[in-house]
Amino acid sequence: MWFLDNKSEVEDLIFDGIKQIISIDDNAGPNLVNMLYEIADVSDGLSEVELNEISRICNILGIENKVN
């Protein structure tokens, strides 16, 4: 529960690290988006909440929300 209680601080740190990886690896952004869609689709398909969260993450990271 600590992670959720401290989501905003931890999230910024995680996203900053991912941004660094994306900046040096052209495949990292598209691979991450594909992974997010695959994880979200595992259960009962993609929900509106999951699609919104994937869009939010893509916006924060500055990557295109497009599945390859």
Protein backbone atom coordinates (compact mmCIF):
# COMPACT_ATOMS: atom_id res chain seq x y z
CA MET A 1 0.00 0.00 0.00
CA TRP A 2 3.01 2.31 0.43
CA PHE A 3 3.33 2.70 -3.32
CA LEU A 4 -0.27 3.90 -3.71
CA ASP A 5 0.01 6.15 -0.67
CA ASN A 6 3.07 7.81 -2.23
CA LYS A 7 2.01 7.49 -5.85
CA SER A 8 2.73 11.05 -6.97
CA GLU A 9 6.30 11.15 -5.65
CA VAL A 10 7.18 7.64 -6.79
CA GLU A 11 5.47 8.06 -10.14
CA ASP A 12 7.55 11.12 -11.00
CA LEU A 13 10.75 9.23 -10.22
CA ILE A 14 9.69 6.22 -12.30
CA PHE A 15 8.58 8.33 -15.25
CA ASP A 16 11.81 10.33 -15.18
CA GLY A 17 13.79 7.08 -15.42
CA ILE A 18 11.64 5.82 -18.28
CA LYS A 19 12.06 9.15 -20.11
CA GLN A 20 15.83 8.74 -19.92
CA ILE A 21 15.61 5.26 -21.44
CA ILE A 22 13.26 6.48 -24.17
CA SER A 23 15.65 9.30 -25.02
CA ILE A 24 18.50 6.89 -25.81
CA ASP A 25 16.55 3.95 -27.30
CA ASP A 26 14.22 4.63 -30.23
CA ASN A 27 12.43 1.31 -29.71
CA ALA A 28 11.75 1.79 -26.00
CA GLY A 29 8.71 4.06 -26.41
CA PRO A 30 6.84 1.90 -28.92
CA ASN A 31 7.77 -1.25 -26.98
CA LEU A 32 6.42 0.27 -23.77
CA VAL A 33 3.13 1.25 -25.42
CA ASN A 34 2.74 -2.26 -26.84
CA MET A 35 3.44 -3.73 -23.41
CA LEU A 36 0.88 -1.47 -21.73
CA TYR A 37 -1.81 -2.52 -24.20
CA GLU A 38 -0.94 -6.20 -23.84
CA ILE A 39 -1.06 -6.04 -20.04
CA ALA A 40 -4.35 -4.15 -20.06
CA ASP A 41 -5.90 -6.58 -22.53
CA VAL A 42 -5.04 -9.72 -20.53
CA SER A 43 -8.14 -9.63 -18.36
CA ASP A 44 -11.49 -8.92 -19.97
CA GLY A 45 -10.20 -6.73 -22.75
CA LEU A 46 -9.37 -3.05 -22.68
CA SER A 47 -11.57 -0.95 -20.45
CA GLU A 48 -12.15 2.78 -20.81
CA VAL A 49 -10.28 3.33 -17.54
CA GLU A 50 -7.27 1.40 -18.86
CA LEU A 51 -7.30 3.26 -22.17
CA ASN A 52 -7.40 6.57 -20.30
CA GLU A 53 -4.49 5.51 -18.09
CA ILE A 54 -2.42 4.42 -21.09
CA SER A 55 -3.12 7.81 -22.72
CA ARG A 56 -2.12 9.59 -19.50
CA ILE A 57 1.15 7.65 -19.31
CA CYS A 58 1.95 8.31 -22.97
CA ASN A 59 1.29 12.02 -22.49
CA ILE A 60 3.55 12.20 -19.45
CA LEU A 61 6.33 10.35 -21.27
CA GLY A 62 5.85 12.28 -24.51
CA ILE A 63 5.40 9.15 -26.59
CA GLU A 64 2.87 8.32 -29.28
CA ASN A 65 -0.11 6.29 -28.09
CA LYS A 66 -0.04 3.88 -31.01
CA VAL A 67 0.19 0.10 -30.99
CA ASN A 68 2.66 -1.39 -33.47
